[in-house]
Amino acid sequence: MSRRGRILLKAAVWGACLFPVALLLYQFQTDGLGANPIDYVTRTLGRWTIRILLASLSMTPLRLLFGISWPMSLRRLLGLFAFFYVCLHFAVWIVVDHFFDWEEMLADIVKRPYITVGLLALTLLVPLAATSTARMVKRLGGANWRRLHRLVYVVGVLAVLHYLWLAKVGVNDPYVYAGVLAILLGIRLWDWARRAARKRGLRATPWKGIGTIARSHPAAGAERSSPILSETRPPVAHWPHHSSALSSHDSTNV
């Protein structure tokens, strides 16, 4: 993809990710938030958090399945938008719903498991967002950075679990998100198993090569595969016989 194409694609992602916030602001201005506006806004922000998070997790599976690399340039942007939405989600819960009543919020965290796992997901997203810059990748090192950012899969599981426990009976959206997450994680596990099998095959390749040599050249294969056979030589007494014959032949010619 060209540079212009990447810019247009990122601009489209920015517009799509900011649209829900703009729509909420418009509904707020036009009194379109329903009978329970706090609950409506909280749930809307939470749903968009999960949607954008799943979108960010789908970038690598798209590359693995279809061999296209351009989605990888959107992974960090989508991850940061997911963090943005989850911060808005909890800000509404803290400021509007409880109005900084820390005792009541602490009681809710202890009493309601869906709030506990939701808060844990937010906590795990903080270091991921803080280390999303290229400078932090260099500072941590590529291997350490990748190891840290594997936490995003834990965050995905916690987010879906939060929604499953929160949703009312008859709401099917959480199960759809759980199914999408299971597919994405399954693709990653399949890729991990494939790479592990490939590494095992590469380790076994030299021994396969030796077996091929042994079949085509039995003597050479025996010498290479067995240190005992490689040290076996014809009897030493056999060599002087040839040398004496040659010397007598030479003396005759002279």
Protein backbone atom coordinates (compact mmCIF):
# COMPACT_ATOMS: atom_id res chain seq x y z
CA MET A 1 0.00 0.00 0.00
CA SER A 2 1.25 3.48 -0.90
CA ARG A 3 1.93 6.20 1.65
CA ARG A 4 -1.14 8.13 0.48
CA GLY A 5 -3.27 5.02 0.87
CA ARG A 6 -2.05 4.48 4.43
CA ILE A 7 -2.83 8.09 5.33
CA LEU A 8 -6.36 7.81 3.91
CA LEU A 9 -6.88 4.52 5.72
CA LYS A 10 -5.78 5.94 9.07
CA ALA A 11 -7.98 8.99 8.53
CA ALA A 12 -10.94 6.66 7.93
CA VAL A 13 -10.12 4.76 11.14
CA TRP A 14 -9.95 8.03 13.09
CA GLY A 15 -13.34 9.06 11.74
CA ALA A 16 -14.94 5.67 12.45
CA CYS A 17 -13.58 5.52 16.00
CA LEU A 18 -14.59 9.07 16.88
CA PHE A 19 -18.08 8.75 15.41
CA PRO A 20 -19.63 7.06 18.52
CA VAL A 21 -18.41 9.88 20.78
CA ALA A 22 -19.75 12.47 18.37
CA LEU A 23 -23.07 10.64 18.24
CA LEU A 24 -23.32 10.58 22.04
CA LEU A 25 -22.64 14.30 22.18
CA TYR A 26 -25.33 14.91 19.57
CA GLN A 27 -27.80 12.74 21.50
CA PHE A 28 -26.94 14.61 24.68
CA GLN A 29 -27.71 17.92 22.99
CA THR A 30 -30.99 16.64 21.57
CA ASP A 31 -32.14 14.74 24.68
CA GLY A 32 -31.82 11.44 22.86
CA LEU A 33 -30.07 9.42 25.58
CA GLY A 34 -33.25 7.71 26.76
CA ALA A 35 -34.88 7.41 30.15
CA ASN A 36 -31.63 6.39 31.89
CA PRO A 37 -28.89 8.45 30.21
CA ILE A 38 -26.09 7.39 32.59
CA ASP A 39 -26.70 3.71 31.95
CA TYR A 40 -27.05 4.32 28.21
CA VAL A 41 -23.77 6.23 27.93
CA THR A 42 -21.88 3.76 30.13
CA ARG A 43 -23.04 0.75 28.15
CA THR A 44 -22.46 2.43 24.79
CA LEU A 45 -18.87 3.33 25.69
CA GLY A 46 -18.29 -0.18 27.04
CA ARG A 47 -19.58 -1.85 23.87
CA TRP A 48 -17.39 0.30 21.67
CA THR A 49 -14.40 -0.48 23.87
CA ILE A 50 -14.85 -4.19 23.20
CA ARG A 51 -15.52 -3.69 19.49
CA ILE A 52 -12.40 -1.61 18.93
CA LEU A 53 -10.32 -3.94 21.09
CA LEU A 54 -11.45 -6.94 19.03
CA ALA A 55 -10.70 -4.99 15.86
CA SER A 56 -7.15 -4.40 17.07
CA LEU A 57 -6.76 -8.09 17.93
CA SER A 58 -7.95 -9.08 14.43
CA MET A 59 -5.10 -7.32 12.60
CA THR A 60 -2.55 -10.09 13.11
CA PRO A 61 -4.98 -12.93 12.21
CA LEU A 62 -5.80 -11.09 8.97
CA ARG A 63 -2.11 -11.07 8.10
CA LEU A 64 -1.73 -14.73 9.01
CA LEU A 65 -4.74 -15.89 6.99
CA PHE A 66 -4.53 -13.69 3.92
CA GLY A 67 -0.88 -12.60 3.83
CA ILE A 68 -1.68 -8.88 3.83
CA SER A 69 0.49 -6.60 5.92
CA TRP A 70 -1.29 -3.25 5.83
CA PRO A 71 -3.64 -4.05 8.77
CA MET A 72 -0.60 -4.18 11.05
CA SER A 73 -0.17 -0.41 10.66
CA LEU A 74 -3.60 0.07 12.30
CA ARG A 75 -3.05 -2.18 15.31
CA ARG A 76 -1.50 0.44 17.59
CA LEU A 77 -4.03 3.11 16.60
CA LEU A 78 -6.96 0.81 17.33
CA GLY A 79 -5.40 -0.24 20.63
CA LEU A 80 -5.07 3.37 21.73
CA PHE A 81 -8.67 4.08 20.77
CA ALA A 82 -9.76 1.06 22.84
CA PHE A 83 -7.87 2.55 25.79
CA PHE A 84 -9.50 5.92 25.13
CA TYR A 85 -12.99 4.40 25.23
CA VAL A 86 -12.37 2.33 28.34
CA CYS A 87 -11.12 5.46 30.12
CA LEU A 88 -14.33 7.28 29.13
CA HIS A 89 -16.33 4.24 30.24
CA PHE A 90 -14.82 4.29 33.73
CA ALA A 91 -14.84 8.09 33.91
CA VAL A 92 -18.63 8.08 33.51
CA TRP A 93 -18.88 5.41 36.21
CA ILE A 94 -16.61 7.34 38.61
CA VAL A 95 -17.69 10.94 37.98
CA VAL A 96 -21.31 10.78 36.82
CA ASP A 97 -22.62 7.56 38.30
CA HIS A 98 -20.91 7.69 41.73
CA PHE A 99 -19.62 11.27 41.81
CA PHE A 100 -16.28 10.32 43.45
CA ASP A 101 -17.91 8.31 46.23
CA TRP A 102 -14.84 6.13 46.78
CA GLU A 103 -16.37 4.04 49.56
CA GLU A 104 -19.35 3.10 47.45
CA MET A 105 -17.16 2.36 44.44
CA LEU A 106 -14.86 0.16 46.52
CA ALA A 107 -17.87 -1.71 47.82
CA ASP A 108 -19.09 -2.25 44.25
CA ILE A 109 -15.67 -3.54 43.19
CA VAL A 110 -15.65 -6.08 46.00
CA LYS A 111 -19.32 -7.03 45.68
CA ARG A 112 -19.74 -7.22 41.90
CA PRO A 113 -17.31 -9.51 40.03
CA TYR A 114 -18.01 -7.89 36.66
CA ILE A 115 -16.70 -4.59 38.01
CA THR A 116 -13.65 -6.37 39.45
CA VAL A 117 -12.64 -7.92 36.12
CA GLY A 118 -13.44 -4.70 34.27
CA LEU A 119 -11.16 -2.72 36.56
CA LEU A 120 -8.46 -5.35 36.14
CA ALA A 121 -8.73 -5.05 32.35
CA LEU A 122 -8.33 -1.27 32.61
CA THR A 123 -5.31 -1.69 34.88
CA LEU A 124 -3.62 -4.05 32.41
CA LEU A 125 -4.29 -1.69 29.51
CA VAL A 126 -2.43 1.19 31.19
CA PRO A 127 1.13 -0.19 30.68
CA LEU A 128 0.23 -1.26 27.15
CA ALA A 129 -0.88 2.24 26.23
CA ALA A 130 2.13 3.79 28.00
CA THR A 131 4.58 1.62 26.04
CA SER A 132 2.94 1.93 22.63
CA THR A 133 5.45 4.45 21.24
CA ALA A 134 8.46 3.55 19.10
CA ARG A 135 10.77 5.02 21.73
CA MET A 136 9.41 2.64 24.38
CA VAL A 137 9.88 -0.29 22.01
CA LYS A 138 13.57 0.59 21.71
CA ARG A 139 13.91 1.17 25.44
CA LEU A 140 12.33 -2.14 26.42
CA GLY A 141 13.78 -4.15 23.58
CA GLY A 142 11.73 -5.97 20.98
CA ALA A 143 11.48 -9.27 22.87
CA ASN A 144 10.48 -7.68 26.18
CA TRP A 145 8.01 -5.37 24.45
CA ARG A 146 6.30 -8.26 22.67
CA ARG A 147 6.19 -10.25 25.89
CA LEU A 148 4.52 -7.34 27.71
CA HIS A 149 1.98 -6.69 24.98
CA ARG A 150 0.77 -10.28 25.05
CA LEU A 151 -1.28 -9.04 27.99
CA VAL A 152 -3.73 -7.67 25.44
CA TYR A 153 -5.13 -11.20 25.04
CA VAL A 154 -5.77 -11.34 28.79
CA VAL A 155 -7.44 -7.94 28.52
CA GLY A 156 -9.66 -9.24 25.72
CA VAL A 157 -10.78 -12.22 27.81
CA LEU A 158 -11.46 -9.99 30.84
CA ALA A 159 -13.41 -7.48 28.76
CA VAL A 160 -15.66 -10.15 27.28
CA LEU A 161 -16.11 -11.75 30.69
CA HIS A 162 -17.04 -8.34 32.13
CA TYR A 163 -19.76 -7.95 29.50
CA LEU A 164 -21.02 -11.52 29.90
CA TRP A 165 -21.51 -11.09 33.64
CA LEU A 166 -23.03 -7.63 33.22
CA ALA A 167 -25.51 -8.35 30.42
CA LYS A 168 -29.12 -9.07 31.14
CA VAL A 169 -30.84 -12.29 30.22
CA GLY A 170 -31.77 -12.38 26.54
CA VAL A 171 -28.95 -10.08 25.37
CA ASN A 172 -26.88 -11.96 22.78
CA ASP A 173 -24.16 -9.40 22.03
CA PRO A 174 -21.73 -10.68 24.70
CA TYR A 175 -21.86 -14.19 23.22
CA VAL A 176 -21.13 -12.81 19.76
CA TYR A 177 -18.08 -10.96 21.10
CA ALA A 178 -16.98 -14.08 22.99
CA GLY A 179 -17.23 -16.12 19.78
CA VAL A 180 -15.21 -13.57 17.80
CA LEU A 181 -12.53 -13.52 20.50
CA ALA A 182 -12.39 -17.32 20.55
CA ILE A 183 -11.86 -17.39 16.77
CA LEU A 184 -9.09 -14.78 16.95
CA LEU A 185 -7.33 -16.60 19.78
CA GLY A 186 -7.73 -19.88 17.92
CA ILE A 187 -5.98 -18.45 14.86
CA ARG A 188 -3.10 -17.26 17.01
CA LEU A 189 -2.81 -20.68 18.68
CA TRP A 190 -2.85 -22.36 15.29
CA ASP A 191 -0.03 -20.09 14.10
CA TRP A 192 1.96 -20.77 17.27
CA ALA A 193 1.59 -24.53 16.80
CA ARG A 194 2.58 -24.26 13.14
CA ARG A 195 5.74 -22.28 13.96
CA ALA A 196 6.63 -24.68 16.77
CA ALA A 197 6.30 -27.64 14.38
CA ARG A 198 8.44 -25.83 11.82
CA LYS A 199 11.17 -25.24 14.38
CA ARG A 200 11.13 -28.91 15.33
CA GLY A 201 11.41 -29.79 11.65
CA LEU A 202 14.41 -27.51 11.19
CA ARG A 203 16.13 -29.13 14.14
CA ALA A 204 15.52 -32.56 12.60
CA THR A 205 16.71 -31.55 9.10
CA PRO A 206 20.47 -32.22 9.62
CA TRP A 207 19.77 -35.81 10.75
CA LYS A 208 17.55 -36.33 7.72
CA GLY A 209 20.43 -35.15 5.53
CA ILE A 210 22.78 -37.65 7.12
CA GLY A 211 20.28 -40.41 6.49
CA THR A 212 20.12 -39.42 2.81
CA ILE A 213 23.90 -39.55 2.52
CA ALA A 214 24.00 -42.92 4.24
CA ARG A 215 21.49 -44.37 1.79
CA SER A 216 23.32 -43.06 -1.29
CA HIS A 217 26.85 -43.69 0.03
CA PRO A 218 26.75 -46.38 2.72
CA ALA A 219 30.41 -46.11 3.64
CA ALA A 220 30.38 -42.34 3.94
CA GLY A 221 27.14 -42.45 5.86
CA ALA A 222 28.54 -45.01 8.25
CA GLU A 223 31.65 -42.94 8.89
CA ARG A 224 29.68 -39.76 9.55
CA SER A 225 26.94 -41.30 11.66
CA SER A 226 29.15 -43.48 13.88
CA PRO A 227 32.28 -42.16 15.59
CA ILE A 228 33.48 -45.74 16.05
CA LEU A 229 33.18 -46.58 12.37
CA SER A 230 34.78 -43.29 11.39
CA GLU A 231 37.94 -44.31 13.19
CA THR A 232 38.10 -47.74 11.49
CA ARG A 233 40.89 -47.96 8.93
CA PRO A 234 42.39 -50.85 6.90
CA PRO A 235 45.19 -52.73 8.70
CA VAL A 236 48.46 -50.83 8.75
CA ALA A 237 50.35 -53.88 7.52
CA HIS A 238 48.49 -53.65 4.24
CA TRP A 239 50.24 -50.42 3.24
CA PRO A 240 53.91 -51.49 3.36
CA HIS A 241 53.09 -54.30 0.93
CA HIS A 242 52.13 -51.75 -1.75
CA SER A 243 55.05 -49.46 -0.99
CA SER A 244 57.60 -52.33 -1.24
CA ALA A 245 56.11 -53.42 -4.52
CA LEU A 246 56.38 -49.92 -5.87
CA SER A 247 59.98 -49.58 -4.69
CA SER A 248 61.00 -52.85 -6.32
CA HIS A 249 59.27 -51.78 -9.53
CA ASP A 250 61.11 -48.48 -9.51
CA SER A 251 64.46 -50.11 -8.91
CA THR A 252 63.88 -52.43 -11.83
CA ASN A 253 63.15 -49.49 -14.13
CA VAL A 254 66.30 -47.76 -13.01
